[in-house]
Amino acid sequence: ESGGGLVQAGGSLRLSCAASGIIVRTLTMGWYRQAPGKQ
């Protein structure tokens, strides 16, 4: 993954994820997040 960082409220970010060692066209891809103390 790349593209994370510090941004002010109201701003924008674009996260990227590059895979290797796998063919992805038939697979589901997704983003998850985990905040401190949360699932």
Full PDB file with SEQRES, HELIX, SHEET, SSBOND, CRYST1, ORIGX, SCALE, CONECT and MASTER records, all heavy atoms in Angstrom:
SEQRES   1 A   39  GLU SER GLY GLY GLY LEU VAL GLN ALA GLY GLY SER LEU          
SEQRES   2 A   39  ARG LEU SER CYS ALA ALA SER GLY ILE ILE VAL ARG THR          
SEQRES   3 A   39  LEU THR MET GLY TRP TYR ARG GLN ALA PRO GLY LYS GLN          
CRYST1    1.000    1.000    1.000  90.00  90.00  90.00 P 1           1          
ORIGX1      1.000000  0.000000  0.000000        0.00000                         
ORIGX2      0.000000  1.000000  0.000000        0.00000                         
ORIGX3      0.000000  0.000000  1.000000        0.00000                         
SCALE1      1.000000  0.000000  0.000000        0.00000                         
SCALE2      0.000000  1.000000  0.000000        0.00000                         
SCALE3      0.000000  0.000000  1.000000        0.00000                         
ATOM      1  N   GLU A   1       0.833  -1.201   0.000  1.00  0.00           N  
ATOM      2  CA  GLU A   1       0.000   0.000   0.000  1.00  0.00           C  
ATOM      3  C   GLU A   1       0.868   1.253   0.000  1.00  0.00           C  
ATOM      4  O   GLU A   1       1.999   1.243   0.505  1.00  0.00           O  
ATOM      5  CB  GLU A   1      -0.920   0.044   1.236  1.00  0.00           C  
ATOM      6  CG  GLU A   1      -1.886  -1.108   1.363  1.00  0.00           C  
ATOM      7  CD  GLU A   1      -1.465  -2.107   2.401  1.00  0.00           C  
ATOM      8  OE1 GLU A   1      -0.250  -2.229   2.649  1.00  0.00           O  
ATOM      9  OE2 GLU A   1      -2.338  -2.782   2.990  1.00  0.00           O  
ATOM     10  N   SER A   2       0.320   2.316  -0.519  1.00  0.00           N  
ATOM     11  CA  SER A   2       0.965   3.621  -0.486  1.00  0.00           C  
ATOM     12  C   SER A   2      -0.102   4.698  -0.537  1.00  0.00           C  
ATOM     13  O   SER A   2      -1.265   4.420  -0.845  1.00  0.00           O  
ATOM     14  CB  SER A   2       1.948   3.773  -1.642  1.00  0.00           C  
ATOM     15  OG  SER A   2       1.278   3.660  -2.885  1.00  0.00           O  
ATOM     16  N   GLY A   3       0.317   5.921  -0.232  1.00  0.00           N  
ATOM     17  CA  GLY A   3      -0.590   7.057  -0.362  1.00  0.00           C  
ATOM     18  C   GLY A   3      -1.153   7.585   0.938  1.00  0.00           C  
ATOM     19  O   GLY A   3      -1.855   8.604   0.940  1.00  0.00           O  
ATOM     20  N   GLY A   4      -0.870   6.921   2.035  1.00  0.00           N  
ATOM     21  CA  GLY A   4      -1.338   7.425   3.321  1.00  0.00           C  
ATOM     22  C   GLY A   4      -0.571   8.668   3.735  1.00  0.00           C  
ATOM     23  O   GLY A   4       0.390   9.070   3.078  1.00  0.00           O  
ATOM     24  N   GLY A   5      -1.010   9.263   4.826  1.00  0.00           N  
ATOM     25  CA  GLY A   5      -0.313  10.446   5.318  1.00  0.00           C  
ATOM     26  C   GLY A   5      -1.187  11.255   6.238  1.00  0.00           C  
ATOM     27  O   GLY A   5      -2.241  10.806   6.689  1.00  0.00           O  
ATOM     28  N   LEU A   6      -0.726  12.470   6.512  1.00  0.00           N  
ATOM     29  CA  LEU A   6      -1.434  13.407   7.376  1.00  0.00           C  
ATOM     30  C   LEU A   6      -2.145  14.437   6.502  1.00  0.00           C  
ATOM     31  O   LEU A   6      -1.518  15.041   5.621  1.00  0.00           O  
ATOM     32  CB  LEU A   6      -0.441  14.097   8.307  1.00  0.00           C  
ATOM     33  CG  LEU A   6      -0.975  15.224   9.192  1.00  0.00           C  
ATOM     34  CD1 LEU A   6      -2.016  14.677  10.174  1.00  0.00           C  
ATOM     35  CD2 LEU A   6       0.163  15.903   9.923  1.00  0.00           C  
ATOM     36  N   VAL A   7      -3.418  14.622   6.761  1.00  0.00           N  
ATOM     37  CA  VAL A   7      -4.206  15.571   5.976  1.00  0.00           C  
ATOM     38  C   VAL A   7      -5.181  16.281   6.899  1.00  0.00           C  
ATOM     39  O   VAL A   7      -5.604  15.723   7.908  1.00  0.00           O  
ATOM     40  CB  VAL A   7      -4.947  14.844   4.825  1.00  0.00           C  
ATOM     41  CG1 VAL A   7      -5.954  13.840   5.378  1.00  0.00           C  
ATOM     42  CG2 VAL A   7      -5.603  15.807   3.878  1.00  0.00           C  
ATOM     43  N   GLN A   8      -5.519  17.500   6.558  1.00  0.00           N  
ATOM     44  CA  GLN A   8      -6.497  18.244   7.352  1.00  0.00           C  
ATOM     45  C   GLN A   8      -7.912  17.787   7.018  1.00  0.00           C  
ATOM     46  O   GLN A   8      -8.175  17.302   5.907  1.00  0.00           O  
ATOM     47  CB  GLN A   8      -6.361  19.739   7.091  1.00  0.00           C  
ATOM     48  CG  GLN A   8      -5.111  20.362   7.678  1.00  0.00           C  
ATOM     49  CD  GLN A   8      -5.118  21.873   7.587  1.00  0.00           C  
ATOM     50  OE1 GLN A   8      -5.727  22.445   6.694  1.00  0.00           O  
ATOM     51  NE2 GLN A   8      -4.447  22.513   8.524  1.00  0.00           N  
ATOM     52  N   ALA A   9      -8.786  17.950   7.961  1.00  0.00           N  
ATOM     53  CA  ALA A   9     -10.192  17.625   7.736  1.00  0.00           C  
ATOM     54  C   ALA A   9     -10.694  18.371   6.502  1.00  0.00           C  
ATOM     55  O   ALA A   9     -10.382  19.550   6.303  1.00  0.00           O  
ATOM     56  CB  ALA A   9     -11.018  17.992   8.955  1.00  0.00           C  
ATOM     57  N   GLY A  10     -11.449  17.652   5.679  1.00  0.00           N  
ATOM     58  CA  GLY A  10     -11.936  18.218   4.441  1.00  0.00           C  
ATOM     59  C   GLY A  10     -11.038  17.939   3.249  1.00  0.00           C  
ATOM     60  O   GLY A  10     -11.430  18.169   2.102  1.00  0.00           O  
ATOM     61  N   GLY A  11      -9.858  17.428   3.512  1.00  0.00           N  
ATOM     62  CA  GLY A  11      -8.908  17.139   2.448  1.00  0.00           C  
ATOM     63  C   GLY A  11      -9.156  15.792   1.790  1.00  0.00           C  
ATOM     64  O   GLY A  11     -10.142  15.097   2.087  1.00  0.00           O  
ATOM     65  N   SER A  12      -8.248  15.447   0.892  1.00  0.00           N  
ATOM     66  CA  SER A  12      -8.390  14.211   0.122  1.00  0.00           C  
ATOM     67  C   SER A  12      -7.092  13.426   0.129  1.00  0.00           C  
ATOM     68  O   SER A  12      -6.005  13.992   0.281  1.00  0.00           O  
ATOM     69  CB  SER A  12      -8.755  14.540  -1.332  1.00  0.00           C  
ATOM     70  OG  SER A  12      -9.992  15.199  -1.423  1.00  0.00           O  
ATOM     71  N   LEU A  13      -7.230  12.125  -0.050  1.00  0.00           N  
ATOM     72  CA  LEU A  13      -6.083  11.239  -0.224  1.00  0.00           C  
ATOM     73  C   LEU A  13      -6.461  10.153  -1.214  1.00  0.00           C  
ATOM     74  O   LEU A  13      -7.638   9.783  -1.318  1.00  0.00           O  
ATOM     75  CB  LEU A  13      -5.684  10.574   1.096  1.00  0.00           C  
ATOM     76  CG  LEU A  13      -4.882  11.366   2.121  1.00  0.00           C  
ATOM     77  CD1 LEU A  13      -4.705  10.538   3.388  1.00  0.00           C  
ATOM     78  CD2 LEU A  13      -3.533  11.778   1.570  1.00  0.00           C  
ATOM     79  N   ARG A  14      -5.473   9.659  -1.909  1.00  0.00           N  
ATOM     80  CA  ARG A  14      -5.679   8.515  -2.796  1.00  0.00           C  
ATOM     81  C   ARG A  14      -4.727   7.412  -2.377  1.00  0.00           C  
ATOM     82  O   ARG A  14      -3.509   7.566  -2.453  1.00  0.00           O  
ATOM     83  CB  ARG A  14      -5.422   8.887  -4.255  1.00  0.00           C  
ATOM     84  CG  ARG A  14      -5.748   7.755  -5.244  1.00  0.00           C  
ATOM     85  CD  ARG A  14      -5.516   8.209  -6.656  1.00  0.00           C  
ATOM     86  NE  ARG A  14      -6.021   7.278  -7.651  1.00  0.00           N  
ATOM     87  CZ  ARG A  14      -5.255   6.673  -8.555  1.00  0.00           C  
ATOM     88  NH1 ARG A  14      -3.948   6.900  -8.574  1.00  0.00           N  
ATOM     89  NH2 ARG A  14      -5.795   5.845  -9.442  1.00  0.00           N  
ATOM     90  N   LEU A  15      -5.299   6.313  -1.914  1.00  0.00           N  
ATOM     91  CA  LEU A  15      -4.507   5.162  -1.532  1.00  0.00           C  
ATOM     92  C   LEU A  15      -4.351   4.227  -2.721  1.00  0.00           C  
ATOM     93  O   LEU A  15      -5.276   4.056  -3.514  1.00  0.00           O  
ATOM     94  CB  LEU A  15      -5.168   4.413  -0.376  1.00  0.00           C  
ATOM     95  CG  LEU A  15      -5.496   5.216   0.875  1.00  0.00           C  
ATOM     96  CD1 LEU A  15      -6.076   4.309   1.943  1.00  0.00           C  
ATOM     97  CD2 LEU A  15      -4.281   5.968   1.388  1.00  0.00           C  
ATOM     98  N   SER A  16      -3.178   3.630  -2.805  1.00  0.00           N  
ATOM     99  CA  SER A  16      -2.900   2.666  -3.869  1.00  0.00           C  
ATOM    100  C   SER A  16      -2.404   1.372  -3.253  1.00  0.00           C  
ATOM    101  O   SER A  16      -1.760   1.367  -2.198  1.00  0.00           O  
ATOM    102  CB  SER A  16      -1.836   3.206  -4.813  1.00  0.00           C  
ATOM    103  OG  SER A  16      -2.252   4.406  -5.425  1.00  0.00           O  
ATOM    104  N   CYS A  17      -2.708   0.291  -3.916  1.00  0.00           N  
ATOM    105  CA  CYS A  17      -2.226  -1.020  -3.482  1.00  0.00           C  
ATOM    106  C   CYS A  17      -1.798  -1.787  -4.725  1.00  0.00           C  
ATOM    107  O   CYS A  17      -2.602  -1.987  -5.644  1.00  0.00           O  
ATOM    108  CB  CYS A  17      -3.313  -1.775  -2.741  1.00  0.00           C  
ATOM    109  SG  CYS A  17      -2.889  -3.494  -2.336  1.00  0.00           S  
ATOM    110  N   ALA A  18      -0.549  -2.201  -4.732  1.00  0.00           N  
ATOM    111  CA  ALA A  18      -0.011  -2.956  -5.858  1.00  0.00           C  
ATOM    112  C   ALA A  18       0.259  -4.389  -5.420  1.00  0.00           C  
ATOM    113  O   ALA A  18       0.917  -4.617  -4.401  1.00  0.00           O  
ATOM    114  CB  ALA A  18       1.265  -2.305  -6.357  1.00  0.00           C  
ATOM    115  N   ALA A  19      -0.241  -5.320  -6.192  1.00  0.00           N  
ATOM    116  CA  ALA A  19      -0.059  -6.735  -5.882  1.00  0.00           C  
ATOM    117  C   ALA A  19       0.996  -7.352  -6.781  1.00  0.00           C  
ATOM    118  O   ALA A  19       1.202  -6.924  -7.919  1.00  0.00           O  
ATOM    119  CB  ALA A  19      -1.378  -7.484  -6.054  1.00  0.00           C  
ATOM    120  N   SER A  20       1.658  -8.359  -6.272  1.00  0.00           N  
ATOM    121  CA  SER A  20       2.589  -9.148  -7.069  1.00  0.00           C  
ATOM    122  C   SER A  20       2.448 -10.609  -6.680  1.00  0.00           C  
ATOM    123  O   SER A  20       1.986 -10.933  -5.586  1.00  0.00           O  
ATOM    124  CB  SER A  20       4.025  -8.673  -6.868  1.00  0.00           C  
ATOM    125  OG  SER A  20       4.403  -8.800  -5.512  1.00  0.00           O  
ATOM    126  N   GLY A  21       2.811 -11.474  -7.619  1.00  0.00           N  
ATOM    127  CA  GLY A  21       2.753 -12.906  -7.339  1.00  0.00           C  
ATOM    128  C   GLY A  21       1.374 -13.507  -7.436  1.00  0.00           C  
ATOM    129  O   GLY A  21       1.149 -14.639  -6.990  1.00  0.00           O  
ATOM    130  N   ILE A  22       0.432 -12.773  -8.043  1.00  0.00           N  
ATOM    131  CA  ILE A  22      -0.943 -13.256  -8.117  1.00  0.00           C  
ATOM    132  C   ILE A  22      -1.645 -12.588  -9.291  1.00  0.00           C  
ATOM    133  O   ILE A  22      -1.327 -11.445  -9.616  1.00  0.00           O  
ATOM    134  CB  ILE A  22      -1.688 -12.966  -6.793  1.00  0.00           C  
ATOM    135  CG1 ILE A  22      -3.040 -13.671  -6.742  1.00  0.00           C  
ATOM    136  CG2 ILE A  22      -1.836 -11.469  -6.563  1.00  0.00           C  
ATOM    137  CD1 ILE A  22      -3.701 -13.628  -5.362  1.00  0.00           C  
ATOM    138  N   ILE A  23      -2.542 -13.315  -9.917  1.00  0.00           N  
ATOM    139  CA  ILE A  23      -3.387 -12.738 -10.968  1.00  0.00           C  
ATOM    140  C   ILE A  23      -4.689 -12.295 -10.315  1.00  0.00           C  
ATOM    141  O   ILE A  23      -5.359 -13.085  -9.650  1.00  0.00           O  
ATOM    142  CB  ILE A  23      -3.654 -13.772 -12.080  1.00  0.00           C  
ATOM    143  CG1 ILE A  23      -2.339 -14.165 -12.752  1.00  0.00           C  
ATOM    144  CG2 ILE A  23      -4.640 -13.221 -13.107  1.00  0.00           C  
ATOM    145  CD1 ILE A  23      -2.463 -15.298 -13.747  1.00  0.00           C  
ATOM    146  N   VAL A  24      -5.049 -11.029 -10.483  1.00  0.00           N  
ATOM    147  CA  VAL A  24      -6.136 -10.470  -9.681  1.00  0.00           C  
ATOM    148  C   VAL A  24      -7.471 -10.368 -10.408  1.00  0.00           C  
ATOM    149  O   VAL A  24      -8.492 -10.080  -9.771  1.00  0.00           O  
ATOM    150  CB  VAL A  24      -5.755  -9.071  -9.141  1.00  0.00           C  
ATOM    151  CG1 VAL A  24      -4.462  -9.155  -8.337  1.00  0.00           C  
ATOM    152  CG2 VAL A  24      -5.636  -8.055 -10.275  1.00  0.00           C  
ATOM    153  N   ARG A  25      -7.501 -10.587 -11.735  1.00  0.00           N  
ATOM    154  CA  ARG A  25      -8.697 -10.203 -12.485  1.00  0.00           C  
ATOM    155  C   ARG A  25      -9.956 -10.948 -12.051  1.00  0.00           C  
ATOM    156  O   ARG A  25     -11.065 -10.449 -12.250  1.00  0.00           O  
ATOM    157  CB  ARG A  25      -8.477 -10.367 -13.977  1.00  0.00           C  
ATOM    158  CG  ARG A  25      -8.280 -11.783 -14.452  1.00  0.00           C  
ATOM    159  CD  ARG A  25      -8.156 -11.824 -15.966  1.00  0.00           C  
ATOM    160  NE  ARG A  25      -8.009 -13.181 -16.458  1.00  0.00           N  
ATOM    161  CZ  ARG A  25      -6.854 -13.805 -16.576  1.00  0.00           C  
ATOM    162  NH1 ARG A  25      -5.742 -13.171 -16.239  1.00  0.00           N  
ATOM    163  NH2 ARG A  25      -6.801 -15.035 -17.039  1.00  0.00           N  
ATOM    164  N   THR A  26      -9.829 -12.130 -11.455  1.00  0.00           N  
ATOM    165  CA  THR A  26     -11.020 -12.877 -11.033  1.00  0.00           C  
ATOM    166  C   THR A  26     -11.303 -12.735  -9.545  1.00  0.00           C  
ATOM    167  O   THR A  26     -12.242 -13.357  -9.032  1.00  0.00           O  
ATOM    168  CB  THR A  26     -10.867 -14.373 -11.355  1.00  0.00           C  
ATOM    169  OG1 THR A  26      -9.761 -14.884 -10.606  1.00  0.00           O  
ATOM    170  CG2 THR A  26     -10.651 -14.599 -12.838  1.00  0.00           C  
ATOM    171  N   LEU A  27     -10.537 -11.910  -8.869  1.00  0.00           N  
ATOM    172  CA  LEU A  27     -10.612 -11.822  -7.416  1.00  0.00           C  
ATOM    173  C   LEU A  27     -11.260 -10.516  -6.963  1.00  0.00           C  
ATOM    174  O   LEU A  27     -11.275  -9.533  -7.693  1.00  0.00           O  
ATOM    175  CB  LEU A  27      -9.212 -11.935  -6.818  1.00  0.00           C  
ATOM    176  CG  LEU A  27      -8.426 -13.188  -7.202  1.00  0.00           C  
ATOM    177  CD1 LEU A  27      -7.031 -13.136  -6.607  1.00  0.00           C  
ATOM    178  CD2 LEU A  27      -9.161 -14.444  -6.769  1.00  0.00           C  
ATOM    179  N   THR A  28     -11.764 -10.534  -5.748  1.00  0.00           N  
ATOM    180  CA  THR A  28     -12.295  -9.323  -5.114  1.00  0.00           C  
ATOM    181  C   THR A  28     -11.167  -8.599  -4.395  1.00  0.00           C  
ATOM    182  O   THR A  28     -10.352  -9.226  -3.718  1.00  0.00           O  
ATOM    183  CB  THR A  28     -13.414  -9.681  -4.128  1.00  0.00           C  
ATOM    184  OG1 THR A  28     -14.521 -10.235  -4.849  1.00  0.00           O  
ATOM    185  CG2 THR A  28     -13.888  -8.453  -3.373  1.00  0.00           C  
ATOM    186  N   MET A  29     -11.131  -7.300  -4.576  1.00  0.00           N  
ATOM    187  CA  MET A  29     -10.116  -6.470  -3.945  1.00  0.00           C  
ATOM    188  C   MET A  29     -10.811  -5.466  -3.041  1.00  0.00           C  
ATOM    189  O   MET A  29     -11.930  -5.012  -3.361  1.00  0.00           O  
ATOM    190  CB  MET A  29      -9.278  -5.753  -5.007  1.00  0.00           C  
ATOM    191  CG  MET A  29      -8.720  -6.705  -6.058  1.00  0.00           C  
ATOM    192  SD  MET A  29      -7.808  -5.872  -7.368  1.00  0.00           S  
ATOM    193  CE  MET A  29      -6.238  -5.597  -6.545  1.00  0.00           C  
ATOM    194  N   GLY A  30     -10.162  -5.132  -1.947  1.00  0.00           N  
ATOM    195  CA  GLY A  30     -10.842  -4.226  -1.030  1.00  0.00           C  
ATOM    196  C   GLY A  30      -9.898  -3.490  -0.118  1.00  0.00           C  
ATOM    197  O   GLY A  30      -8.688  -3.746  -0.087  1.00  0.00           O  
ATOM    198  N   TRP A  31     -10.484  -2.539   0.591  1.00  0.00           N  
ATOM    199  CA  TRP A  31      -9.778  -1.757   1.593  1.00  0.00           C  
ATOM    200  C   TRP A  31     -10.489  -1.905   2.931  1.00  0.00           C  
ATOM    201  O   TRP A  31     -11.724  -1.795   2.993  1.00  0.00           O  
ATOM    202  CB  TRP A  31      -9.735  -0.284   1.194  1.00  0.00           C  
ATOM    203  CG  TRP A  31      -8.831  -0.004   0.051  1.00  0.00           C  
ATOM    204  CD1 TRP A  31      -9.159   0.069  -1.270  1.00  0.00           C  
ATOM    205  CD2 TRP A  31      -7.416   0.246   0.131  1.00  0.00           C  
ATOM    206  NE1 TRP A  31      -8.048   0.336  -2.018  1.00  0.00           N  
ATOM    207  CE2 TRP A  31      -6.962   0.462  -1.190  1.00  0.00           C  
ATOM    208  CE3 TRP A  31      -6.496   0.329   1.176  1.00  0.00           C  
ATOM    209  CZ2 TRP A  31      -5.632   0.736  -1.497  1.00  0.00           C  
ATOM    210  CZ3 TRP A  31      -5.186   0.595   0.872  1.00  0.00           C  
ATOM    211  CH2 TRP A  31      -4.762   0.796  -0.435  1.00  0.00           C  
ATOM    212  N   TYR A  32      -9.707  -2.144   3.958  1.00  0.00           N  
ATOM    213  CA  TYR A  32     -10.193  -2.188   5.327  1.00  0.00           C  
ATOM    214  C   TYR A  32      -9.431  -1.142   6.128  1.00  0.00           C  
ATOM    215  O   TYR A  32      -8.383  -0.651   5.698  1.00  0.00           O  
ATOM    216  CB  TYR A  32      -9.956  -3.576   5.937  1.00  0.00           C  
ATOM    217  CG  TYR A  32     -10.864  -4.651   5.416  1.00  0.00           C  
ATOM    218  CD1 TYR A  32     -10.724  -5.130   4.122  1.00  0.00           C  
ATOM    219  CD2 TYR A  32     -11.862  -5.201   6.205  1.00  0.00           C  
ATOM    220  CE1 TYR A  32     -11.556  -6.124   3.627  1.00  0.00           C  
ATOM    221  CE2 TYR A  32     -12.701  -6.203   5.729  1.00  0.00           C  
ATOM    222  CZ  TYR A  32     -12.536  -6.663   4.444  1.00  0.00           C  
ATOM    223  OH  TYR A  32     -13.371  -7.647   3.961  1.00  0.00           O  
ATOM    224  N   ARG A  33      -9.946  -0.843   7.304  1.00  0.00           N  
ATOM    225  CA  ARG A  33      -9.216   0.071   8.183  1.00  0.00           C  
ATOM    226  C   ARG A  33      -9.392  -0.362   9.630  1.00  0.00           C  
ATOM    227  O   ARG A  33     -10.374  -1.005   9.987  1.00  0.00           O  
ATOM    228  CB  ARG A  33      -9.685   1.511   7.991  1.00  0.00           C  
ATOM    229  CG  ARG A  33     -11.112   1.791   8.449  1.00  0.00           C  
ATOM    230  CD  ARG A  33     -11.492   3.222   8.075  1.00  0.00           C  
ATOM    231  NE  ARG A  33     -12.856   3.542   8.520  1.00  0.00           N  
ATOM    232  CZ  ARG A  33     -13.480   4.676   8.205  1.00  0.00           C  
ATOM    233  NH1 ARG A  33     -12.870   5.599   7.449  1.00  0.00           N  
ATOM    234  NH2 ARG A  33     -14.707   4.904   8.658  1.00  0.00           N  
ATOM    235  N   GLN A  34      -8.404   0.023  10.409  1.00  0.00           N  
ATOM    236  CA  GLN A  34      -8.445  -0.291  11.835  1.00  0.00           C  
ATOM    237  C   GLN A  34      -7.940   0.913  12.611  1.00  0.00           C  
ATOM    238  O   GLN A  34      -6.782   1.316  12.458  1.00  0.00           O  
ATOM    239  CB  GLN A  34      -7.609  -1.523  12.154  1.00  0.00           C  
ATOM    240  CG  GLN A  34      -7.761  -2.000  13.584  1.00  0.00           C  
ATOM    241  CD  GLN A  34      -7.202  -3.384  13.808  1.00  0.00           C  
ATOM    242  OE1 GLN A  34      -6.388  -3.889  13.034  1.00  0.00           O  
ATOM    243  NE2 GLN A  34      -7.638  -4.042  14.876  1.00  0.00           N  
ATOM    244  N   ALA A  35      -8.824   1.469  13.408  1.00  0.00           N  
ATOM    245  CA  ALA A  35      -8.472   2.580  14.287  1.00  0.00           C  
ATOM    246  C   ALA A  35      -8.028   2.022  15.631  1.00  0.00           C  
ATOM    247  O   ALA A  35      -8.395   0.893  15.995  1.00  0.00           O  
ATOM    248  CB  ALA A  35      -9.670   3.500  14.454  1.00  0.00           C  
ATOM    249  N   PRO A  36      -7.260   2.790  16.389  1.00  0.00           N  
ATOM    250  CA  PRO A  36      -6.791   2.317  17.694  1.00  0.00           C  
ATOM    251  C   PRO A  36      -7.953   1.888  18.592  1.00  0.00           C  
ATOM    252  O   PRO A  36      -8.934   2.619  18.748  1.00  0.00           O  
ATOM    253  CB  PRO A  36      -6.064   3.529  18.266  1.00  0.00           C  
ATOM    254  CG  PRO A  36      -5.617   4.289  17.078  1.00  0.00           C  
ATOM    255  CD  PRO A  36      -6.698   4.107  16.051  1.00  0.00           C  
ATOM    256  N   GLY A  37      -7.852   0.695  19.148  1.00  0.00           N  
ATOM    257  CA  GLY A  37      -8.877   0.204  20.053  1.00  0.00           C  
ATOM    258  C   GLY A  37     -10.131  -0.300  19.394  1.00  0.00           C  
ATOM    259  O   GLY A  37     -11.103  -0.650  20.079  1.00  0.00           O  
ATOM    260  N   LYS A  38     -10.140  -0.344  18.063  1.00  0.00           N  
ATOM    261  CA  LYS A  38     -11.330  -0.789  17.341  1.00  0.00           C  
ATOM    262  C   LYS A  38     -11.002  -1.989  16.467  1.00  0.00           C  
ATOM    263  O   LYS A  38      -9.855  -2.262  16.155  1.00  0.00           O  
ATOM    264  CB  LYS A  38     -11.901   0.353  16.498  1.00  0.00           C  
ATOM    265  CG  LYS A  38     -12.415   1.521  17.309  1.00  0.00           C  
ATOM    266  CD  LYS A  38     -13.152   2.522  16.437  1.00  0.00           C  
ATOM    267  CE  LYS A  38     -13.750   3.639  17.261  1.00  0.00           C  
ATOM    268  NZ  LYS A  38     -14.501   4.608  16.421  1.00  0.00           N  
ATOM    269  N   GLN A  39     -12.049  -2.689  16.058  1.00  0.00           N  
ATOM    270  CA  GLN A  39     -11.874  -3.823  15.155  1.00  0.00           C  
ATOM    271  C   GLN A  39     -11.637  -3.344  13.737  1.00  0.00           C  
ATOM    272  O   GLN A  39     -12.061  -2.247  13.342  1.00  0.00           O  
ATOM    273  CB  GLN A  39     -13.119  -4.713  15.205  1.00  0.00           C  
ATOM    274  CG  GLN A  39     -13.277  -5.483  16.505  1.00  0.00           C  
ATOM    275  CD  GLN A  39     -14.387  -6.508  16.437  1.00  0.00           C  
ATOM    276  OE1 GLN A  39     -15.340  -6.352  15.671  1.00  0.00           O  
ATOM    277  NE2 GLN A  39     -14.259  -7.566  17.215  1.00  0.00           N  
TER     278      GLN A  39                                                      
MASTER        0    0    0    0    0    0    0    6  277    1    0    3          
END                                                                             
